[in-house]
């Protein structure tokens, strides 16, 4: 298992390097793929998918009634159709328009579409199903899009790496410090293995790597200001948020009594299992970059 996780991690790092350095359409396409998979994983965890044709014949479907589409051996219910269509429209607008207000409007339109489905198929769906489906769109697909938005900012080719420093470096450092020094439980009910010492170590490790990255690489490029201290602040704040994202994804799994969201990434699980902290960190890095880095 350890070797499988290690090999998968190496492949993920290589893919991240290639796609993020390339940027543009390649990055957008990869993020769109991850967004679609993550949406499917969340919908499946929340039991909001249409299910298989066999299940429909047996009368076992709960969300797959009313508006639905059969594709292959699967039935896609109305919630899934609106979700996938909305995510597609959102990413197309993100790539082909410069006005970011359209992304906000796209998100509102997706919510309105869910409400149309709710009203005109009533009482086939419950209010909590509609709200949960919209959450599945906003949580992973929309928040992942901020990786692309950060990459599009001035100096984005450099600042985008703060997302991964604040999440993956934090995760590694928190694990190492927790193993060596962890005594006080951070969230004993939700994640008994995580410690306060590990959390602090993760934040400190991210801040240190962020400082080294900025000092040796970014300072030579960003001439308008000294950015080392800015990157320390961004990476530390991002590390705090990333740990919340990790715990949030774990809480959803516990609520729905599942071990992993999926099986896409050997040794890690699904997209939500591997990118849980990145999902939370990306919007924070976007905001802090706009606020703290002069362009």
C-alpha atoms as a PDB file:
ATOM      1  CA  UNK A   1       0.000   0.000   0.000  1.00  0.00           C
ATOM      2  CA  UNK A   2       2.797   2.426   0.883  1.00  0.00           C
ATOM      3  CA  UNK A   3       4.596   1.780  -2.398  1.00  0.00           C
ATOM      4  CA  UNK A   4       1.346   2.265  -4.323  1.00  0.00           C
ATOM      5  CA  UNK A   5       0.678   5.568  -2.569  1.00  0.00           C
ATOM      6  CA  UNK A   6       4.248   6.696  -3.206  1.00  0.00           C
ATOM      7  CA  UNK A   7       4.112   5.891  -6.906  1.00  0.00           C
ATOM      8  CA  UNK A   8       0.748   7.608  -7.262  1.00  0.00           C
ATOM      9  CA  UNK A   9       2.105  10.673  -5.477  1.00  0.00           C
ATOM     10  CA  UNK A  10       5.089  10.850  -7.832  1.00  0.00           C
ATOM     11  CA  UNK A  11       2.792  10.611 -10.851  1.00  0.00           C
ATOM     12  CA  UNK A  12       0.519  13.317  -9.428  1.00  0.00           C
ATOM     13  CA  UNK A  13       3.457  15.663  -8.843  1.00  0.00           C
ATOM     14  CA  UNK A  14       4.707  15.149 -12.396  1.00  0.00           C
ATOM     15  CA  UNK A  15       1.236  15.750 -13.827  1.00  0.00           C
ATOM     16  CA  UNK A  16       0.837  18.861 -11.673  1.00  0.00           C
ATOM     17  CA  UNK A  17       4.167  20.220 -12.930  1.00  0.00           C
ATOM     18  CA  UNK A  18       3.276  19.630 -16.567  1.00  0.00           C
ATOM     19  CA  UNK A  19      -0.270  20.984 -16.437  1.00  0.00           C
ATOM     20  CA  UNK A  20       0.381  24.019 -14.253  1.00  0.00           C
ATOM     21  CA  UNK A  21       3.534  25.057 -16.064  1.00  0.00           C
ATOM     22  CA  UNK A  22       1.632  24.758 -19.350  1.00  0.00           C
ATOM     23  CA  UNK A  23      -1.417  26.598 -18.039  1.00  0.00           C
ATOM     24  CA  UNK A  24      -4.077  27.648 -20.527  1.00  0.00           C
ATOM     25  CA  UNK A  25      -6.352  25.068 -22.115  1.00  0.00           C
ATOM     26  CA  UNK A  26      -4.445  22.069 -20.753  1.00  0.00           C
ATOM     27  CA  UNK A  27      -4.785  23.223 -17.158  1.00  0.00           C
ATOM     28  CA  UNK A  28      -8.449  24.103 -17.671  1.00  0.00           C
ATOM     29  CA  UNK A  29      -9.151  20.696 -19.231  1.00  0.00           C
ATOM     30  CA  UNK A  30      -7.460  18.801 -16.390  1.00  0.00           C
ATOM     31  CA  UNK A  31      -9.310  20.843 -13.761  1.00  0.00           C
ATOM     32  CA  UNK A  32     -12.595  20.285 -15.581  1.00  0.00           C
ATOM     33  CA  UNK A  33     -11.968  16.532 -15.528  1.00  0.00           C
ATOM     34  CA  UNK A  34     -11.175  16.638 -11.800  1.00  0.00           C
ATOM     35  CA  UNK A  35     -14.246  18.803 -11.168  1.00  0.00           C
ATOM     36  CA  UNK A  36     -16.580  16.421 -12.974  1.00  0.00           C
ATOM     37  CA  UNK A  37     -15.145  13.377 -11.179  1.00  0.00           C
ATOM     38  CA  UNK A  38     -15.295  15.121  -7.787  1.00  0.00           C
ATOM     39  CA  UNK A  39     -18.923  16.119  -8.389  1.00  0.00           C
ATOM     40  CA  UNK A  40     -19.787  12.512  -9.196  1.00  0.00           C
ATOM     41  CA  UNK A  41     -17.986  11.291  -6.067  1.00  0.00           C
ATOM     42  CA  UNK A  42     -19.839  13.746  -3.844  1.00  0.00           C
ATOM     43  CA  UNK A  43     -23.209  12.976  -5.420  1.00  0.00           C
ATOM     44  CA  UNK A  44     -22.568   9.268  -4.972  1.00  0.00           C
ATOM     45  CA  UNK A  45     -21.543   9.766  -1.340  1.00  0.00           C
ATOM     46  CA  UNK A  46     -24.746  11.733  -0.721  1.00  0.00           C
ATOM     47  CA  UNK A  47     -26.807   9.056  -2.535  1.00  0.00           C
ATOM     48  CA  UNK A  48     -28.095  11.523  -5.112  1.00  0.00           C
ATOM     49  CA  UNK A  49     -27.154   9.606  -8.256  1.00  0.00           C
ATOM     50  CA  UNK A  50     -29.605   7.922 -10.574  1.00  0.00           C
ATOM     51  CA  UNK A  51     -27.930   4.541 -10.234  1.00  0.00           C
ATOM     52  CA  UNK A  52     -27.949   1.618 -12.635  1.00  0.00           C
ATOM     53  CA  UNK A  53     -30.710   0.391 -14.904  1.00  0.00           C
ATOM     54  CA  UNK A  54     -30.859  -2.809 -12.845  1.00  0.00           C
ATOM     55  CA  UNK A  55     -31.576  -0.771  -9.714  1.00  0.00           C
ATOM     56  CA  UNK A  56     -34.314   1.109 -11.546  1.00  0.00           C
ATOM     57  CA  UNK A  57     -35.951  -2.177 -12.534  1.00  0.00           C
ATOM     58  CA  UNK A  58     -35.829  -3.325  -8.923  1.00  0.00           C
ATOM     59  CA  UNK A  59     -37.339  -0.031  -7.730  1.00  0.00           C
ATOM     60  CA  UNK A  60     -34.339   0.771  -5.530  1.00  0.00           C
ATOM     61  CA  UNK A  61     -33.613   4.293  -6.792  1.00  0.00           C
ATOM     62  CA  UNK A  62     -34.229   7.251  -4.519  1.00  0.00           C
ATOM     63  CA  UNK A  63     -32.914  10.242  -6.478  1.00  0.00           C
ATOM     64  CA  UNK A  64     -33.280   8.916 -10.002  1.00  0.00           C
ATOM     65  CA  UNK A  65     -36.948   9.671 -10.508  1.00  0.00           C
ATOM     66  CA  UNK A  66     -38.539  12.251 -12.777  1.00  0.00           C
ATOM     67  CA  UNK A  67     -36.221  13.880 -15.325  1.00  0.00           C
ATOM     68  CA  UNK A  68     -33.492  11.379 -16.209  1.00  0.00           C
ATOM     69  CA  UNK A  69     -31.220  10.240 -19.037  1.00  0.00           C
ATOM     70  CA  UNK A  70     -30.042   6.697 -19.727  1.00  0.00           C
ATOM     71  CA  UNK A  71     -26.435   6.420 -20.878  1.00  0.00           C
ATOM     72  CA  UNK A  72     -24.824   3.012 -21.141  1.00  0.00           C
ATOM     73  CA  UNK A  73     -25.730   1.086 -18.033  1.00  0.00           C
ATOM     74  CA  UNK A  74     -26.381   4.198 -15.948  1.00  0.00           C
ATOM     75  CA  UNK A  75     -29.334   6.438 -15.295  1.00  0.00           C
ATOM     76  CA  UNK A  76     -28.453  10.097 -14.717  1.00  0.00           C
ATOM     77  CA  UNK A  77     -31.133  11.803 -12.661  1.00  0.00           C
ATOM     78  CA  UNK A  78     -32.205  15.430 -13.010  1.00  0.00           C
ATOM     79  CA  UNK A  79     -29.866  16.555 -10.238  1.00  0.00           C
ATOM     80  CA  UNK A  80     -26.894  15.041 -12.042  1.00  0.00           C
ATOM     81  CA  UNK A  81     -27.913  16.435 -15.431  1.00  0.00           C
ATOM     82  CA  UNK A  82     -28.145  19.983 -14.109  1.00  0.00           C
ATOM     83  CA  UNK A  83     -24.930  19.575 -12.127  1.00  0.00           C
ATOM     84  CA  UNK A  84     -22.823  18.282 -15.014  1.00  0.00           C
ATOM     85  CA  UNK A  85     -24.304  20.807 -17.461  1.00  0.00           C
ATOM     86  CA  UNK A  86     -23.761  23.650 -15.010  1.00  0.00           C
ATOM     87  CA  UNK A  87     -20.146  22.675 -14.326  1.00  0.00           C
ATOM     88  CA  UNK A  88     -19.484  22.500 -18.066  1.00  0.00           C
ATOM     89  CA  UNK A  89     -20.976  25.960 -18.631  1.00  0.00           C
ATOM     90  CA  UNK A  90     -19.039  27.377 -15.672  1.00  0.00           C
ATOM     91  CA  UNK A  91     -15.687  26.119 -16.977  1.00  0.00           C
ATOM     92  CA  UNK A  92     -16.388  27.306 -20.512  1.00  0.00           C
ATOM     93  CA  UNK A  93     -17.120  30.785 -19.197  1.00  0.00           C
ATOM     94  CA  UNK A  94     -14.003  30.666 -17.045  1.00  0.00           C
ATOM     95  CA  UNK A  95     -11.790  29.911 -20.041  1.00  0.00           C
ATOM     96  CA  UNK A  96     -13.420  31.976 -22.769  1.00  0.00           C
ATOM     97  CA  UNK A  97     -14.435  35.147 -20.899  1.00  0.00           C
ATOM     98  CA  UNK A  98     -12.380  37.650 -18.957  1.00  0.00           C
ATOM     99  CA  UNK A  99     -15.292  39.011 -16.922  1.00  0.00           C
ATOM    100  CA  UNK A 100     -15.240  37.021 -13.707  1.00  0.00           C
ATOM    101  CA  UNK A 101     -18.702  38.296 -12.753  1.00  0.00           C
ATOM    102  CA  UNK A 102     -20.048  35.771 -15.270  1.00  0.00           C
ATOM    103  CA  UNK A 103     -18.787  32.953 -13.052  1.00  0.00           C
ATOM    104  CA  UNK A 104     -20.855  34.249 -10.160  1.00  0.00           C
ATOM    105  CA  UNK A 105     -23.868  34.572 -12.440  1.00  0.00           C
ATOM    106  CA  UNK A 106     -23.301  31.029 -13.726  1.00  0.00           C
ATOM    107  CA  UNK A 107     -23.354  29.721 -10.163  1.00  0.00           C
ATOM    108  CA  UNK A 108     -26.624  31.550  -9.450  1.00  0.00           C
ATOM    109  CA  UNK A 109     -28.086  30.189 -12.681  1.00  0.00           C
ATOM    110  CA  UNK A 110     -27.203  26.638 -11.602  1.00  0.00           C
ATOM    111  CA  UNK A 111     -29.037  27.226  -8.324  1.00  0.00           C
ATOM    112  CA  UNK A 112     -32.082  28.554 -10.201  1.00  0.00           C
ATOM    113  CA  UNK A 113     -32.005  25.484 -12.475  1.00  0.00           C
ATOM    114  CA  UNK A 114     -32.044  23.208  -9.431  1.00  0.00           C
ATOM    115  CA  UNK A 115     -35.023  25.142  -8.074  1.00  0.00           C
ATOM    116  CA  UNK A 116     -36.844  24.762 -11.421  1.00  0.00           C
ATOM    117  CA  UNK A 117     -36.335  21.010 -11.145  1.00  0.00           C
ATOM    118  CA  UNK A 118     -37.538  21.070  -7.543  1.00  0.00           C
ATOM    119  CA  UNK A 119     -40.709  23.015  -8.371  1.00  0.00           C
ATOM    120  CA  UNK A 120     -41.772  21.321 -11.597  1.00  0.00           C
ATOM    121  CA  UNK A 121     -41.138  17.764 -10.435  1.00  0.00           C
ATOM    122  CA  UNK A 122     -42.500  18.303  -6.920  1.00  0.00           C
ATOM    123  CA  UNK A 123     -42.674  16.227  -4.752  1.00  0.00           C
ATOM    124  CA  UNK A 124     -40.115  13.916  -6.404  1.00  0.00           C
ATOM    125  CA  UNK A 125     -37.183  15.675  -4.704  1.00  0.00           C
ATOM    126  CA  UNK A 126     -36.865  16.886  -1.160  1.00  0.00           C
ATOM    127  CA  UNK A 127     -35.486  20.331  -0.312  1.00  0.00           C
ATOM    128  CA  UNK A 128     -32.392  18.840   1.328  1.00  0.00           C
ATOM    129  CA  UNK A 129     -31.590  16.915  -1.873  1.00  0.00           C
ATOM    130  CA  UNK A 130     -31.697  20.122  -3.913  1.00  0.00           C
ATOM    131  CA  UNK A 131     -29.488  21.945  -1.411  1.00  0.00           C
ATOM    132  CA  UNK A 132     -27.042  19.057  -1.228  1.00  0.00           C
ATOM    133  CA  UNK A 133     -26.778  18.826  -5.033  1.00  0.00           C
ATOM    134  CA  UNK A 134     -25.978  22.545  -5.259  1.00  0.00           C
ATOM    135  CA  UNK A 135     -23.390  22.090  -2.520  1.00  0.00           C
ATOM    136  CA  UNK A 136     -21.784  19.308  -4.581  1.00  0.00           C
ATOM    137  CA  UNK A 137     -21.379  21.783  -7.463  1.00  0.00           C
ATOM    138  CA  UNK A 138     -20.050  24.643  -5.357  1.00  0.00           C
ATOM    139  CA  UNK A 139     -17.788  22.613  -3.087  1.00  0.00           C
ATOM    140  CA  UNK A 140     -15.293  20.850  -5.348  1.00  0.00           C
ATOM    141  CA  UNK A 141     -15.904  21.961  -8.971  1.00  0.00           C
ATOM    142  CA  UNK A 142     -16.129  25.696  -8.303  1.00  0.00           C
ATOM    143  CA  UNK A 143     -13.424  25.826  -5.650  1.00  0.00           C
ATOM    144  CA  UNK A 144     -11.025  23.798  -7.813  1.00  0.00           C
ATOM    145  CA  UNK A 145     -11.463  26.387 -10.574  1.00  0.00           C
ATOM    146  CA  UNK A 146      -9.517  28.872  -8.456  1.00  0.00           C
ATOM    147  CA  UNK A 147      -6.328  27.019  -9.379  1.00  0.00           C
ATOM    148  CA  UNK A 148      -6.890  28.228 -12.942  1.00  0.00           C
ATOM    149  CA  UNK A 149      -7.904  31.707 -11.749  1.00  0.00           C
ATOM    150  CA  UNK A 150      -4.722  32.049  -9.688  1.00  0.00           C
ATOM    151  CA  UNK A 151      -2.658  30.843 -12.654  1.00  0.00           C
ATOM    152  CA  UNK A 152      -4.220  33.593 -14.802  1.00  0.00           C
ATOM    153  CA  UNK A 153      -3.201  36.384 -12.409  1.00  0.00           C
ATOM    154  CA  UNK A 154      -0.051  38.448 -13.021  1.00  0.00           C
ATOM    155  CA  UNK A 155       2.850  36.313 -11.797  1.00  0.00           C
ATOM    156  CA  UNK A 156       0.347  33.470 -11.566  1.00  0.00           C
ATOM    157  CA  UNK A 157       2.927  30.988 -12.824  1.00  0.00           C
ATOM    158  CA  UNK A 158       4.703  31.560  -9.499  1.00  0.00           C
ATOM    159  CA  UNK A 159       1.876  32.220  -7.034  1.00  0.00           C
ATOM    160  CA  UNK A 160      -0.149  29.179  -8.107  1.00  0.00           C
ATOM    161  CA  UNK A 161       2.396  26.892  -6.448  1.00  0.00           C
ATOM    162  CA  UNK A 162       1.433  28.364  -3.087  1.00  0.00           C
ATOM    163  CA  UNK A 163      -1.779  26.348  -3.331  1.00  0.00           C
ATOM    164  CA  UNK A 164       0.199  23.117  -3.275  1.00  0.00           C
ATOM    165  CA  UNK A 165       2.810  24.326  -0.796  1.00  0.00           C
ATOM    166  CA  UNK A 166      -0.028  25.211   1.561  1.00  0.00           C
ATOM    167  CA  UNK A 167      -1.741  21.870   1.145  1.00  0.00           C
ATOM    168  CA  UNK A 168       0.576  19.021   0.159  1.00  0.00           C
ATOM    169  CA  UNK A 169       3.647  20.356   2.017  1.00  0.00           C
ATOM    170  CA  UNK A 170       1.464  21.079   5.031  1.00  0.00           C
ATOM    171  CA  UNK A 171       0.068  17.545   4.917  1.00  0.00           C
ATOM    172  CA  UNK A 172       3.551  16.013   4.742  1.00  0.00           C
ATOM    173  CA  UNK A 173       4.999  18.149   7.530  1.00  0.00           C
ATOM    174  CA  UNK A 174       1.947  17.667   9.747  1.00  0.00           C
ATOM    175  CA  UNK A 175       2.230  13.894   9.339  1.00  0.00           C
ATOM    176  CA  UNK A 176       5.964  13.855  10.148  1.00  0.00           C
ATOM    177  CA  UNK A 177       5.713  16.169  13.179  1.00  0.00           C
ATOM    178  CA  UNK A 178       2.627  14.361  14.432  1.00  0.00           C
ATOM    179  CA  UNK A 179       4.394  10.995  14.302  1.00  0.00           C
ATOM    180  CA  UNK A 180       7.416  12.362  16.186  1.00  0.00           C
ATOM    181  CA  UNK A 181       5.869  14.762  18.701  1.00  0.00           C
ATOM    182  CA  UNK A 182       2.085  14.424  18.568  1.00  0.00           C
ATOM    183  CA  UNK A 183       0.436  14.158  21.997  1.00  0.00           C
ATOM    184  CA  UNK A 184      -2.651  16.372  21.966  1.00  0.00           C
ATOM    185  CA  UNK A 185      -5.536  15.354  19.708  1.00  0.00           C
ATOM    186  CA  UNK A 186      -6.665  17.988  17.218  1.00  0.00           C
ATOM    187  CA  UNK A 187     -10.092  16.491  16.438  1.00  0.00           C
ATOM    188  CA  UNK A 188     -10.345  13.291  18.507  1.00  0.00           C
ATOM    189  CA  UNK A 189     -13.798  12.250  17.306  1.00  0.00           C
ATOM    190  CA  UNK A 190     -13.353  13.118  13.648  1.00  0.00           C
ATOM    191  CA  UNK A 191      -9.696  12.199  13.098  1.00  0.00           C
ATOM    192  CA  UNK A 192      -8.020  10.560  16.116  1.00  0.00           C
ATOM    193  CA  UNK A 193      -4.581  10.372  14.466  1.00  0.00           C
ATOM    194  CA  UNK A 194      -4.241  14.128  13.887  1.00  0.00           C
ATOM    195  CA  UNK A 195      -2.546  16.126  16.628  1.00  0.00           C
ATOM    196  CA  UNK A 196      -2.209  19.778  17.576  1.00  0.00           C
ATOM    197  CA  UNK A 197       1.562  19.431  17.315  1.00  0.00           C
ATOM    198  CA  UNK A 198       1.197  18.023  13.825  1.00  0.00           C
ATOM    199  CA  UNK A 199      -1.087  20.881  12.803  1.00  0.00           C
ATOM    200  CA  UNK A 200       1.411  23.466  14.049  1.00  0.00           C
ATOM    201  CA  UNK A 201       4.226  21.592  12.319  1.00  0.00           C
ATOM    202  CA  UNK A 202       2.285  21.617   9.076  1.00  0.00           C
ATOM    203  CA  UNK A 203       1.758  25.377   9.265  1.00  0.00           C
ATOM    204  CA  UNK A 204       5.405  26.006  10.154  1.00  0.00           C
ATOM    205  CA  UNK A 205       6.623  23.686   7.393  1.00  0.00           C
ATOM    206  CA  UNK A 206       4.454  25.389   4.790  1.00  0.00           C
ATOM    207  CA  UNK A 207       5.615  28.824   5.914  1.00  0.00           C
ATOM    208  CA  UNK A 208       9.265  27.745   5.740  1.00  0.00           C
ATOM    209  CA  UNK A 209       8.955  26.201   2.271  1.00  0.00           C
ATOM    210  CA  UNK A 210       6.983  29.233   1.126  1.00  0.00           C
ATOM    211  CA  UNK A 211       9.731  31.535   2.388  1.00  0.00           C
ATOM    212  CA  UNK A 212      12.486  29.539   0.661  1.00  0.00           C
ATOM    213  CA  UNK A 213      10.490  29.372  -2.564  1.00  0.00           C
ATOM    214  CA  UNK A 214       9.881  33.118  -2.555  1.00  0.00           C
ATOM    215  CA  UNK A 215      13.415  34.088  -1.553  1.00  0.00           C
ATOM    216  CA  UNK A 216      15.258  31.978  -4.105  1.00  0.00           C
ATOM    217  CA  UNK A 217      12.818  32.089  -7.021  1.00  0.00           C
ATOM    218  CA  UNK A 218      10.062  34.683  -6.813  1.00  0.00           C
ATOM    219  CA  UNK A 219      12.062  37.657  -5.492  1.00  0.00           C
ATOM    220  CA  UNK A 220      14.018  37.689  -8.758  1.00  0.00           C
ATOM    221  CA  UNK A 221      10.824  37.978 -10.784  1.00  0.00           C
ATOM    222  CA  UNK A 222       8.508  40.205  -8.740  1.00  0.00           C
ATOM    223  CA  UNK A 223      10.418  43.485  -8.588  1.00  0.00           C
ATOM    224  CA  UNK A 224       7.596  45.727  -7.343  1.00  0.00           C
ATOM    225  CA  UNK A 225       7.910  44.552  -3.720  1.00  0.00           C
ATOM    226  CA  UNK A 226       9.704  42.168  -1.402  1.00  0.00           C
ATOM    227  CA  UNK A 227       7.510  39.104  -1.504  1.00  0.00           C
ATOM    228  CA  UNK A 228       9.201  36.689   0.890  1.00  0.00           C
ATOM    229  CA  UNK A 229       7.215  37.824   3.911  1.00  0.00           C
ATOM    230  CA  UNK A 230       4.051  37.878   1.793  1.00  0.00           C
ATOM    231  CA  UNK A 231       4.574  34.264   0.749  1.00  0.00           C
ATOM    232  CA  UNK A 232       5.213  33.278   4.376  1.00  0.00           C
ATOM    233  CA  UNK A 233       1.874  34.808   5.357  1.00  0.00           C
ATOM    234  CA  UNK A 234       0.037  33.296   2.394  1.00  0.00           C
ATOM    235  CA  UNK A 235       1.463  29.807   2.894  1.00  0.00           C
ATOM    236  CA  UNK A 236       0.774  29.843   6.654  1.00  0.00           C
ATOM    237  CA  UNK A 237      -2.819  31.019   6.208  1.00  0.00           C
ATOM    238  CA  UNK A 238      -3.302  28.540   3.389  1.00  0.00           C
ATOM    239  CA  UNK A 239      -1.975  25.733   5.589  1.00  0.00           C
ATOM    240  CA  UNK A 240      -4.584  26.502   8.245  1.00  0.00           C
ATOM    241  CA  UNK A 241      -7.352  26.430   5.654  1.00  0.00           C
ATOM    242  CA  UNK A 242      -6.009  23.242   4.070  1.00  0.00           C
ATOM    243  CA  UNK A 243      -6.288  21.351   7.337  1.00  0.00           C
ATOM    244  CA  UNK A 244      -9.883  22.481   7.705  1.00  0.00           C
ATOM    245  CA  UNK A 245     -10.527  21.220   4.179  1.00  0.00           C
ATOM    246  CA  UNK A 246      -8.983  17.861   5.021  1.00  0.00           C
ATOM    247  CA  UNK A 247     -11.151  17.486   8.124  1.00  0.00           C
ATOM    248  CA  UNK A 248     -14.270  18.682   6.281  1.00  0.00           C
ATOM    249  CA  UNK A 249     -13.905  15.989   3.632  1.00  0.00           C
ATOM    250  CA  UNK A 250     -13.348  13.401   6.373  1.00  0.00           C
ATOM    251  CA  UNK A 251     -16.470  14.586   8.191  1.00  0.00           C
ATOM    252  CA  UNK A 252     -18.584  14.090   5.067  1.00  0.00           C
ATOM    253  CA  UNK A 253     -17.230  10.557   4.685  1.00  0.00           C
ATOM    254  CA  UNK A 254     -18.023   9.756   8.297  1.00  0.00           C
ATOM    255  CA  UNK A 255     -21.535  11.177   7.988  1.00  0.00           C
ATOM    256  CA  UNK A 256     -22.174   8.937   5.009  1.00  0.00           C
ATOM    257  CA  UNK A 257     -20.201   5.952   6.343  1.00  0.00           C
ATOM    258  CA  UNK A 258     -17.789   5.527   3.440  1.00  0.00           C
ATOM    259  CA  UNK A 259     -14.064   4.837   3.507  1.00  0.00           C
ATOM    260  CA  UNK A 260     -13.053   6.538   0.251  1.00  0.00           C
ATOM    261  CA  UNK A 261     -14.856   8.766  -2.223  1.00  0.00           C
ATOM    262  CA  UNK A 262     -13.626   6.764  -5.206  1.00  0.00           C
ATOM    263  CA  UNK A 263     -10.912   4.554  -6.681  1.00  0.00           C
ATOM    264  CA  UNK A 264      -9.466   6.760  -9.409  1.00  0.00           C
ATOM    265  CA  UNK A 265      -6.049   7.262  -7.765  1.00  0.00           C
ATOM    266  CA  UNK A 266      -4.401   4.002  -6.585  1.00  0.00           C
ATOM    267  CA  UNK A 267      -3.507   4.113  -2.911  1.00  0.00           C
ATOM    268  CA  UNK A 268      -5.314   7.406  -2.352  1.00  0.00           C
ATOM    269  CA  UNK A 269      -8.922   6.853  -3.360  1.00  0.00           C
ATOM    270  CA  UNK A 270     -10.828   9.405  -5.384  1.00  0.00           C
ATOM    271  CA  UNK A 271     -10.302  13.018  -6.363  1.00  0.00           C
ATOM    272  CA  UNK A 272     -11.966  14.177  -3.160  1.00  0.00           C
ATOM    273  CA  UNK A 273      -9.618  12.015  -1.093  1.00  0.00           C
ATOM    274  CA  UNK A 274      -6.451  13.432  -2.679  1.00  0.00           C
ATOM    275  CA  UNK A 275      -7.495  17.028  -3.367  1.00  0.00           C
ATOM    276  CA  UNK A 276      -9.569  17.683  -0.243  1.00  0.00           C
ATOM    277  CA  UNK A 277      -7.113  20.254   1.152  1.00  0.00           C
ATOM    278  CA  UNK A 278      -6.312  21.785  -2.256  1.00  0.00           C
ATOM    279  CA  UNK A 279     -10.027  22.470  -2.777  1.00  0.00           C
ATOM    280  CA  UNK A 280     -10.132  24.678   0.305  1.00  0.00           C
ATOM    281  CA  UNK A 281      -6.741  26.286  -0.205  1.00  0.00           C
ATOM    282  CA  UNK A 282      -7.160  27.480  -3.809  1.00  0.00           C
ATOM    283  CA  UNK A 283      -9.794  30.208  -3.140  1.00  0.00           C
ATOM    284  CA  UNK A 284      -7.833  31.464  -0.119  1.00  0.00           C
ATOM    285  CA  UNK A 285      -4.614  31.792  -2.140  1.00  0.00           C
ATOM    286  CA  UNK A 286      -6.536  33.655  -4.852  1.00  0.00           C
ATOM    287  CA  UNK A 287      -7.927  36.124  -2.316  1.00  0.00           C
ATOM    288  CA  UNK A 288      -4.632  36.670  -0.474  1.00  0.00           C
ATOM    289  CA  UNK A 289      -2.748  37.089  -3.756  1.00  0.00           C
ATOM    290  CA  UNK A 290      -5.149  39.846  -4.833  1.00  0.00           C
ATOM    291  CA  UNK A 291      -4.860  41.554  -1.451  1.00  0.00           C
ATOM    292  CA  UNK A 292      -1.134  41.273  -0.750  1.00  0.00           C
ATOM    293  CA  UNK A 293       0.801  41.174  -4.028  1.00  0.00           C
ATOM    294  CA  UNK A 294       1.069  44.437  -5.934  1.00  0.00           C
ATOM    295  CA  UNK A 295       0.873  44.133  -9.713  1.00  0.00           C
END
